Protein backbone atom coordinates (compact mmCIF):
# COMPACT_ATOMS: atom_id res chain seq x y z
CA UNK A 1 0.00 0.00 0.00
CA UNK A 2 1.34 3.41 -0.93
CA UNK A 3 -0.54 5.50 1.65
CA UNK A 4 0.39 6.71 5.08
CA UNK A 5 -1.95 5.94 7.98
CA UNK A 6 -3.29 9.48 8.24
CA UNK A 7 -4.41 9.37 4.60
CA UNK A 8 -5.88 5.92 5.01
CA UNK A 9 -7.75 6.98 8.16
CA UNK A 10 -9.45 9.81 6.23
CA UNK A 11 -10.64 7.34 3.60
CA UNK A 12 -12.08 4.84 6.09
CA UNK A 13 -15.45 4.94 7.86
CA UNK A 14 -15.81 7.11 10.98
CA UNK A 15 -15.55 4.04 13.21
CA UNK A 16 -11.83 3.74 12.40
CA UNK A 17 -9.28 5.86 14.28
CA UNK A 18 -5.51 6.11 14.28
CA UNK A 19 -4.28 5.39 17.82
CA UNK A 20 -0.52 5.59 17.30
CA UNK A 21 2.06 5.87 14.52
CA UNK A 22 1.50 2.32 13.31
CA UNK A 23 -2.07 1.40 14.23
CA UNK A 24 -5.63 2.16 13.17
CA UNK A 25 -8.40 0.49 15.18
CA UNK A 26 -12.05 -0.17 14.50
CA UNK A 27 -14.11 1.25 17.39
CA UNK A 28 -16.54 -1.66 17.04
CA UNK A 29 -13.84 -3.82 18.67
CA UNK A 30 -12.68 -1.31 21.33
CA UNK A 31 -13.24 -2.45 24.92
CA UNK A 32 -11.51 -0.06 27.36
CA UNK A 33 -8.49 2.07 28.14
CA UNK A 34 -6.40 2.43 31.27
CA UNK A 35 -3.34 4.28 32.54
CA UNK A 36 -0.07 2.46 31.98
CA UNK A 37 3.08 4.46 32.85
CA UNK A 38 5.02 7.61 31.94
CA UNK A 39 1.88 9.41 30.71
CA UNK A 40 1.01 6.53 28.39
CA UNK A 41 -2.20 4.57 28.24
CA UNK A 42 -3.22 1.14 27.02
CA UNK A 43 -6.19 0.61 24.72
CA UNK A 44 -7.67 -2.86 25.02
CA UNK A 45 -9.65 -4.46 22.28
CA UNK A 46 -12.41 -7.07 22.67
CA UNK A 47 -10.06 -9.79 21.42
CA UNK A 48 -7.50 -8.93 24.14
CA UNK A 49 -5.05 -7.12 21.89
CA UNK A 50 -3.50 -3.99 23.45
CA UNK A 51 -2.05 -0.80 21.98
CA UNK A 52 -0.15 1.97 23.72
CA UNK A 53 -1.17 5.60 23.22
CA UNK A 54 0.05 8.92 24.56
CA UNK A 55 -2.05 11.10 26.85
CA UNK A 56 -2.49 13.67 24.08
CA UNK A 57 -3.67 11.08 21.56
CA UNK A 58 -6.02 9.60 24.16
CA UNK A 59 -7.88 12.92 24.39
CA UNK A 60 -8.89 12.77 20.72
CA UNK A 61 -9.63 9.05 20.95
CA UNK A 62 -11.95 9.58 23.92
CA UNK A 63 -13.82 12.27 22.01
CA UNK A 64 -14.28 9.88 19.07
CA UNK A 65 -15.37 7.06 21.40
CA UNK A 66 -18.03 9.28 22.97
CA UNK A 67 -19.21 10.42 19.53
CA UNK A 68 -19.23 6.85 18.24
CA UNK A 69 -21.14 5.49 21.25
CA UNK A 70 -23.72 8.28 20.98
CA UNK A 71 -24.31 7.82 17.25
CA UNK A 72 -23.79 4.13 16.45
CA UNK A 73 -24.90 0.85 17.91
CA UNK A 74 -21.76 -1.03 18.90
CA UNK A 75 -23.67 -3.97 20.44
PDB file of N, CA and C in Angstrom:
ATOM      1  N   UNK A   1       0.844  -1.162   0.000  1.00  0.00           N
ATOM      2  CA  UNK A   1       0.000   0.000   0.000  1.00  0.00           C
ATOM      3  C   UNK A   1       0.898   1.236   0.000  1.00  0.00           C
ATOM      4  N   UNK A   2       0.536   2.201  -0.786  1.00  0.00           N
ATOM      5  CA  UNK A   2       1.338   3.411  -0.930  1.00  0.00           C
ATOM      6  C   UNK A   2       0.735   4.609  -0.219  1.00  0.00           C
ATOM      7  N   UNK A   3       0.078   4.397   0.914  1.00  0.00           N
ATOM      8  CA  UNK A   3      -0.544   5.496   1.647  1.00  0.00           C
ATOM      9  C   UNK A   3      -0.040   5.488   3.087  1.00  0.00           C
ATOM     10  N   UNK A   4       0.057   6.686   3.659  1.00  0.00           N
ATOM     11  CA  UNK A   4       0.385   6.707   5.076  1.00  0.00           C
ATOM     12  C   UNK A   4      -0.905   6.509   5.873  1.00  0.00           C
ATOM     13  N   UNK A   5      -0.768   6.238   7.173  1.00  0.00           N
ATOM     14  CA  UNK A   5      -1.948   5.936   7.980  1.00  0.00           C
ATOM     15  C   UNK A   5      -2.911   7.105   8.102  1.00  0.00           C
ATOM     16  N   UNK A   6      -2.413   8.308   8.135  1.00  0.00           N
ATOM     17  CA  UNK A   6      -3.295   9.475   8.238  1.00  0.00           C
ATOM     18  C   UNK A   6      -4.193   9.585   7.008  1.00  0.00           C
ATOM     19  N   UNK A   7      -3.633   9.348   5.836  1.00  0.00           N
ATOM     20  CA  UNK A   7      -4.411   9.374   4.602  1.00  0.00           C
ATOM     21  C   UNK A   7      -5.423   8.248   4.589  1.00  0.00           C
ATOM     22  N   UNK A   8      -4.986   7.067   4.970  1.00  0.00           N
ATOM     23  CA  UNK A   8      -5.881   5.916   5.008  1.00  0.00           C
ATOM     24  C   UNK A   8      -7.024   6.145   5.992  1.00  0.00           C
ATOM     25  N   UNK A   9      -6.722   6.713   7.153  1.00  0.00           N
ATOM     26  CA  UNK A   9      -7.753   6.977   8.158  1.00  0.00           C
ATOM     27  C   UNK A   9      -8.851   7.884   7.595  1.00  0.00           C
ATOM     28  N   UNK A  10      -8.477   8.880   6.825  1.00  0.00           N
ATOM     29  CA  UNK A  10      -9.451   9.807   6.233  1.00  0.00           C
ATOM     30  C   UNK A  10     -10.364   9.111   5.232  1.00  0.00           C
ATOM     31  N   UNK A  11      -9.869   8.054   4.602  1.00  0.00           N
ATOM     32  CA  UNK A  11     -10.642   7.336   3.598  1.00  0.00           C
ATOM     33  C   UNK A  11     -11.555   6.271   4.199  1.00  0.00           C
ATOM     34  N   UNK A  12     -11.293   5.885   5.441  1.00  0.00           N
ATOM     35  CA  UNK A  12     -12.085   4.842   6.088  1.00  0.00           C
ATOM     36  C   UNK A  12     -13.332   5.425   6.747  1.00  0.00           C
ATOM     37  N   UNK A  13     -14.246   4.538   7.137  1.00  0.00           N
ATOM     38  CA  UNK A  13     -15.448   4.943   7.860  1.00  0.00           C
ATOM     39  C   UNK A  13     -15.073   5.646   9.158  1.00  0.00           C
ATOM     40  N   UNK A  14     -16.034   6.359   9.737  1.00  0.00           N
ATOM     41  CA  UNK A  14     -15.808   7.113  10.975  1.00  0.00           C
ATOM     42  C   UNK A  14     -15.542   6.218  12.179  1.00  0.00           C
ATOM     43  N   UNK A  15     -15.808   4.910  12.073  1.00  0.00           N
ATOM     44  CA  UNK A  15     -15.550   4.038  13.206  1.00  0.00           C
ATOM     45  C   UNK A  15     -14.096   3.570  13.274  1.00  0.00           C
ATOM     46  N   UNK A  16     -13.250   4.029  12.359  1.00  0.00           N
ATOM     47  CA  UNK A  16     -11.826   3.735  12.397  1.00  0.00           C
ATOM     48  C   UNK A  16     -11.075   4.968  12.888  1.00  0.00           C
ATOM     49  N   UNK A  17     -10.064   4.742  13.749  1.00  0.00           N
ATOM     50  CA  UNK A  17      -9.283   5.859  14.275  1.00  0.00           C
ATOM     51  C   UNK A  17      -7.826   5.431  14.457  1.00  0.00           C
ATOM     52  N   UNK A  18      -6.949   6.340  14.114  1.00  0.00           N
ATOM     53  CA  UNK A  18      -5.514   6.111  14.280  1.00  0.00           C
ATOM     54  C   UNK A  18      -5.172   6.313  15.757  1.00  0.00           C
ATOM     55  N   UNK A  19      -4.577   5.304  16.391  1.00  0.00           N
ATOM     56  CA  UNK A  19      -4.279   5.393  17.816  1.00  0.00           C
ATOM     57  C   UNK A  19      -2.800   5.625  18.109  1.00  0.00           C
ATOM     58  N   UNK A  20      -1.945   5.293  17.167  1.00  0.00           N
ATOM     59  CA  UNK A  20      -0.517   5.589  17.295  1.00  0.00           C
ATOM     60  C   UNK A  20       0.104   5.600  15.900  1.00  0.00           C
ATOM     61  N   UNK A  21       1.395   5.712  15.821  1.00  0.00           N
ATOM     62  CA  UNK A  21       2.062   5.873  14.520  1.00  0.00           C
ATOM     63  C   UNK A  21       1.888   4.682  13.582  1.00  0.00           C
ATOM     64  N   UNK A  22       1.560   3.523  14.144  1.00  0.00           N
ATOM     65  CA  UNK A  22       1.501   2.325  13.314  1.00  0.00           C
ATOM     66  C   UNK A  22       0.179   1.573  13.371  1.00  0.00           C
ATOM     67  N   UNK A  23      -0.845   2.158  14.009  1.00  0.00           N
ATOM     68  CA  UNK A  23      -2.069   1.395  14.228  1.00  0.00           C
ATOM     69  C   UNK A  23      -3.330   2.229  14.018  1.00  0.00           C
ATOM     70  N   UNK A  24      -4.271   1.653  13.280  1.00  0.00           N
ATOM     71  CA  UNK A  24      -5.627   2.162  13.170  1.00  0.00           C
ATOM     72  C   UNK A  24      -6.533   1.082  13.744  1.00  0.00           C
ATOM     73  N   UNK A  25      -7.475   1.476  14.617  1.00  0.00           N
ATOM     74  CA  UNK A  25      -8.399   0.494  15.177  1.00  0.00           C
ATOM     75  C   UNK A  25      -9.821   0.768  14.699  1.00  0.00           C
ATOM     76  N   UNK A  26     -10.631  -0.275  14.773  1.00  0.00           N
ATOM     77  CA  UNK A  26     -12.052  -0.172  14.497  1.00  0.00           C
ATOM     78  C   UNK A  26     -12.741  -0.059  15.852  1.00  0.00           C
ATOM     79  N   UNK A  27     -13.475   1.019  16.092  1.00  0.00           N
ATOM     80  CA  UNK A  27     -14.113   1.249  17.386  1.00  0.00           C
ATOM     81  C   UNK A  27     -15.142   0.180  17.745  1.00  0.00           C
ATOM     82  N   UNK A  28     -15.620  -0.567  16.771  1.00  0.00           N
ATOM     83  CA  UNK A  28     -16.536  -1.663  17.043  1.00  0.00           C
ATOM     84  C   UNK A  28     -15.882  -2.680  17.988  1.00  0.00           C
ATOM     85  N   UNK A  29     -14.564  -2.817  17.892  1.00  0.00           N
ATOM     86  CA  UNK A  29     -13.843  -3.820  18.667  1.00  0.00           C
ATOM     87  C   UNK A  29     -13.127  -3.249  19.896  1.00  0.00           C
ATOM     88  N   UNK A  30     -13.288  -1.952  20.153  1.00  0.00           N
ATOM     89  CA  UNK A  30     -12.681  -1.315  21.325  1.00  0.00           C
ATOM     90  C   UNK A  30     -13.412  -1.763  22.591  1.00  0.00           C
ATOM     91  N   UNK A  31     -12.630  -2.052  23.660  1.00  0.00           N
ATOM     92  CA  UNK A  31     -13.242  -2.451  24.924  1.00  0.00           C
ATOM     93  C   UNK A  31     -13.049  -1.412  26.009  1.00  0.00           C
ATOM     94  N   UNK A  32     -11.787  -0.990  26.265  1.00  0.00           N
ATOM     95  CA  UNK A  32     -11.508  -0.060  27.358  1.00  0.00           C
ATOM     96  C   UNK A  32     -10.118   0.537  27.212  1.00  0.00           C
ATOM     97  N   UNK A  33      -9.830   1.525  28.056  1.00  0.00           N
ATOM     98  CA  UNK A  33      -8.488   2.070  28.145  1.00  0.00           C
ATOM     99  C   UNK A  33      -8.131   2.228  29.614  1.00  0.00           C
ATOM    100  N   UNK A  34      -6.838   2.230  29.895  1.00  0.00           N
ATOM    101  CA  UNK A  34      -6.396   2.433  31.269  1.00  0.00           C
ATOM    102  C   UNK A  34      -4.993   3.034  31.265  1.00  0.00           C
ATOM    103  N   UNK A  35      -4.655   3.679  32.391  1.00  0.00           N
ATOM    104  CA  UNK A  35      -3.335   4.282  32.541  1.00  0.00           C
ATOM    105  C   UNK A  35      -2.292   3.179  32.592  1.00  0.00           C
ATOM    106  N   UNK A  36      -1.136   3.441  31.989  1.00  0.00           N
ATOM    107  CA  UNK A  36      -0.068   2.464  31.984  1.00  0.00           C
ATOM    108  C   UNK A  36       1.100   3.023  32.774  1.00  0.00           C
ATOM    109  N   UNK A  37       1.945   3.847  32.165  1.00  0.00           N
ATOM    110  CA  UNK A  37       3.078   4.462  32.847  1.00  0.00           C
ATOM    111  C   UNK A  37       3.626   5.601  32.006  1.00  0.00           C
ATOM    112  N   UNK A  38       4.360   6.502  32.646  1.00  0.00           N
ATOM    113  CA  UNK A  38       5.015   7.612  31.940  1.00  0.00           C
ATOM    114  C   UNK A  38       4.081   8.356  30.986  1.00  0.00           C
ATOM    115  N   UNK A  39       2.888   8.686  31.490  1.00  0.00           N
ATOM    116  CA  UNK A  39       1.885   9.412  30.705  1.00  0.00           C
ATOM    117  C   UNK A  39       1.455   8.668  29.445  1.00  0.00           C
ATOM    118  N   UNK A  40       1.502   7.359  29.490  1.00  0.00           N
ATOM    119  CA  UNK A  40       1.011   6.533  28.392  1.00  0.00           C
ATOM    120  C   UNK A  40      -0.167   5.714  28.891  1.00  0.00           C
ATOM    121  N   UNK A  41      -1.012   5.343  27.945  1.00  0.00           N
ATOM    122  CA  UNK A  41      -2.202   4.566  28.243  1.00  0.00           C
ATOM    123  C   UNK A  41      -2.239   3.338  27.355  1.00  0.00           C
ATOM    124  N   UNK A  42      -3.022   2.367  27.785  1.00  0.00           N
ATOM    125  CA  UNK A  42      -3.221   1.143  27.015  1.00  0.00           C
ATOM    126  C   UNK A  42      -4.671   1.105  26.550  1.00  0.00           C
ATOM    127  N   UNK A  43      -4.856   0.870  25.264  1.00  0.00           N
ATOM    128  CA  UNK A  43      -6.191   0.606  24.718  1.00  0.00           C
ATOM    129  C   UNK A  43      -6.326  -0.897  24.613  1.00  0.00           C
ATOM    130  N   UNK A  44      -7.430  -1.426  25.108  1.00  0.00           N
ATOM    131  CA  UNK A  44      -7.672  -2.858  25.023  1.00  0.00           C
ATOM    132  C   UNK A  44      -8.841  -3.106  24.075  1.00  0.00           C
ATOM    133  N   UNK A  45      -8.637  -4.098  23.245  1.00  0.00           N
ATOM    134  CA  UNK A  45      -9.651  -4.464  22.279  1.00  0.00           C
ATOM    135  C   UNK A  45     -10.426  -5.672  22.806  1.00  0.00           C
ATOM    136  N   UNK A  46     -11.574  -5.953  22.223  1.00  0.00           N
ATOM    137  CA  UNK A  46     -12.408  -7.066  22.666  1.00  0.00           C
ATOM    138  C   UNK A  46     -11.710  -8.410  22.532  1.00  0.00           C
ATOM    139  N   UNK A  47     -10.772  -8.524  21.591  1.00  0.00           N
ATOM    140  CA  UNK A  47     -10.056  -9.789  21.418  1.00  0.00           C
ATOM    141  C   UNK A  47      -8.830  -9.902  22.327  1.00  0.00           C
ATOM    142  N   UNK A  48      -8.616  -8.899  23.201  1.00  0.00           N
ATOM    143  CA  UNK A  48      -7.498  -8.934  24.144  1.00  0.00           C
ATOM    144  C   UNK A  48      -6.250  -8.222  23.663  1.00  0.00           C
ATOM    145  N   UNK A  49      -6.215  -7.829  22.406  1.00  0.00           N
ATOM    146  CA  UNK A  49      -5.047  -7.115  21.891  1.00  0.00           C
ATOM    147  C   UNK A  49      -4.953  -5.741  22.555  1.00  0.00           C
ATOM    148  N   UNK A  50      -3.728  -5.264  22.775  1.00  0.00           N
ATOM    149  CA  UNK A  50      -3.502  -3.992  23.452  1.00  0.00           C
ATOM    150  C   UNK A  50      -2.593  -3.100  22.618  1.00  0.00           C
ATOM    151  N   UNK A  51      -2.863  -1.788  22.692  1.00  0.00           N
ATOM    152  CA  UNK A  51      -2.053  -0.800  21.982  1.00  0.00           C
ATOM    153  C   UNK A  51      -1.738   0.340  22.931  1.00  0.00           C
ATOM    154  N   UNK A  52      -0.508   0.838  22.873  1.00  0.00           N
ATOM    155  CA  UNK A  52      -0.148   1.975  23.720  1.00  0.00           C
ATOM    156  C   UNK A  52      -0.440   3.280  22.986  1.00  0.00           C
ATOM    157  N   UNK A  53      -0.882   4.279  23.767  1.00  0.00           N
ATOM    158  CA  UNK A  53      -1.170   5.603  23.223  1.00  0.00           C
ATOM    159  C   UNK A  53      -0.685   6.652  24.209  1.00  0.00           C
ATOM    160  N   UNK A  54      -0.366   7.827  23.697  1.00  0.00           N
ATOM    161  CA  UNK A  54       0.051   8.919  24.564  1.00  0.00           C
ATOM    162  C   UNK A  54      -1.181   9.589  25.168  1.00  0.00           C
ATOM    163  N   UNK A  55      -0.962  10.369  26.203  1.00  0.00           N
ATOM    164  CA  UNK A  55      -2.052  11.095  26.852  1.00  0.00           C
ATOM    165  C   UNK A  55      -2.723  12.048  25.871  1.00  0.00           C
ATOM    166  N   UNK A  56      -1.923  12.729  25.059  1.00  0.00           N
ATOM    167  CA  UNK A  56      -2.486  13.675  24.080  1.00  0.00           C
ATOM    168  C   UNK A  56      -3.355  12.960  23.049  1.00  0.00           C
ATOM    169  N   UNK A  57      -2.896  11.832  22.555  1.00  0.00           N
ATOM    170  CA  UNK A  57      -3.670  11.080  21.559  1.00  0.00           C
ATOM    171  C   UNK A  57      -4.940  10.529  22.195  1.00  0.00           C
ATOM    172  N   UNK A  58      -4.855  10.143  23.476  1.00  0.00           N
ATOM    173  CA  UNK A  58      -6.018   9.600  24.157  1.00  0.00           C
ATOM    174  C   UNK A  58      -7.164  10.607  24.223  1.00  0.00           C
ATOM    175  N   UNK A  59      -6.840  11.888  24.350  1.00  0.00           N
ATOM    176  CA  UNK A  59      -7.880  12.923  24.387  1.00  0.00           C
ATOM    177  C   UNK A  59      -8.740  12.877  23.127  1.00  0.00           C
ATOM    178  N   UNK A  60      -8.119  12.809  21.972  1.00  0.00           N
ATOM    179  CA  UNK A  60      -8.887  12.769  20.724  1.00  0.00           C
ATOM    180  C   UNK A  60      -9.601  11.430  20.559  1.00  0.00           C
ATOM    181  N   UNK A  61      -8.993  10.365  21.032  1.00  0.00           N
ATOM    182  CA  UNK A  61      -9.626   9.046  20.953  1.00  0.00           C
ATOM    183  C   UNK A  61     -10.875   9.013  21.823  1.00  0.00           C
ATOM    184  N   UNK A  62     -10.785   9.556  23.032  1.00  0.00           N
ATOM    185  CA  UNK A  62     -11.947   9.583  23.924  1.00  0.00           C
ATOM    186  C   UNK A  62     -13.089  10.376  23.307  1.00  0.00           C
ATOM    187  N   UNK A  63     -12.779  11.478  22.668  1.00  0.00           N
ATOM    188  CA  UNK A  63     -13.821  12.267  22.005  1.00  0.00           C
ATOM    189  C   UNK A  63     -14.493  11.451  20.901  1.00  0.00           C
ATOM    190  N   UNK A  64     -13.723  10.723  20.135  1.00  0.00           N
ATOM    191  CA  UNK A  64     -14.281   9.885  19.071  1.00  0.00           C
ATOM    192  C   UNK A  64     -15.098   8.737  19.648  1.00  0.00           C
ATOM    193  N   UNK A  65     -14.643   8.159  20.765  1.00  0.00           N
ATOM    194  CA  UNK A  65     -15.373   7.062  21.398  1.00  0.00           C
ATOM    195  C   UNK A  65     -16.729   7.555  21.873  1.00  0.00           C
ATOM    196  N   UNK A  66     -16.768   8.712  22.505  1.00  0.00           N
ATOM    197  CA  UNK A  66     -18.030   9.279  22.973  1.00  0.00           C
ATOM    198  C   UNK A  66     -18.947   9.543  21.790  1.00  0.00           C
ATOM    199  N   UNK A  67     -18.421  10.161  20.728  1.00  0.00           N
ATOM    200  CA  UNK A  67     -19.213  10.421  19.528  1.00  0.00           C
ATOM    201  C   UNK A  67     -19.731   9.112  18.947  1.00  0.00           C
ATOM    202  N   UNK A  68     -18.861   8.131  18.838  1.00  0.00           N
ATOM    203  CA  UNK A  68     -19.233   6.848  18.242  1.00  0.00           C
ATOM    204  C   UNK A  68     -20.316   6.182  19.061  1.00  0.00           C
ATOM    205  N   UNK A  69     -20.152   6.136  20.384  1.00  0.00           N
ATOM    206  CA  UNK A  69     -21.141   5.492  21.252  1.00  0.00           C
ATOM    207  C   UNK A  69     -22.486   6.201  21.200  1.00  0.00           C
ATOM    208  N   UNK A  70     -22.479   7.517  21.037  1.00  0.00           N
ATOM    209  CA  UNK A  70     -23.721   8.284  20.981  1.00  0.00           C
ATOM    210  C   UNK A  70     -24.450   8.138  19.649  1.00  0.00           C
ATOM    211  N   UNK A  71     -23.717   7.801  18.587  1.00  0.00           N
ATOM    212  CA  UNK A  71     -24.313   7.816  17.253  1.00  0.00           C
ATOM    213  C   UNK A  71     -24.426   6.458  16.547  1.00  0.00           C
ATOM    214  N   UNK A  72     -23.787   5.436  17.108  1.00  0.00           N
ATOM    215  CA  UNK A  72     -23.790   4.133  16.445  1.00  0.00           C
ATOM    216  C   UNK A  72     -24.036   3.050  17.476  1.00  0.00           C
ATOM    217  N   UNK A  73     -24.671   2.000  17.045  1.00  0.00           N
ATOM    218  CA  UNK A  73     -24.898   0.851  17.907  1.00  0.00           C
ATOM    219  C   UNK A  73     -23.689  -0.056  17.824  1.00  0.00           C
ATOM    220  N   UNK A  74     -22.950  -0.189  18.937  1.00  0.00           N
ATOM    221  CA  UNK A  74     -21.760  -1.034  18.904  1.00  0.00           C
ATOM    222  C   UNK A  74     -22.011  -2.394  19.514  1.00  0.00           C
ATOM    223  N   UNK A  75     -23.242  -2.662  19.943  1.00  0.00           N
ATOM    224  CA  UNK A  75     -23.669  -3.968  20.435  1.00  0.00           C
ATOM    225  C   UNK A  75     -22.671  -4.617  21.242  1.00  0.00           C
TER     226      UNK A  75
END
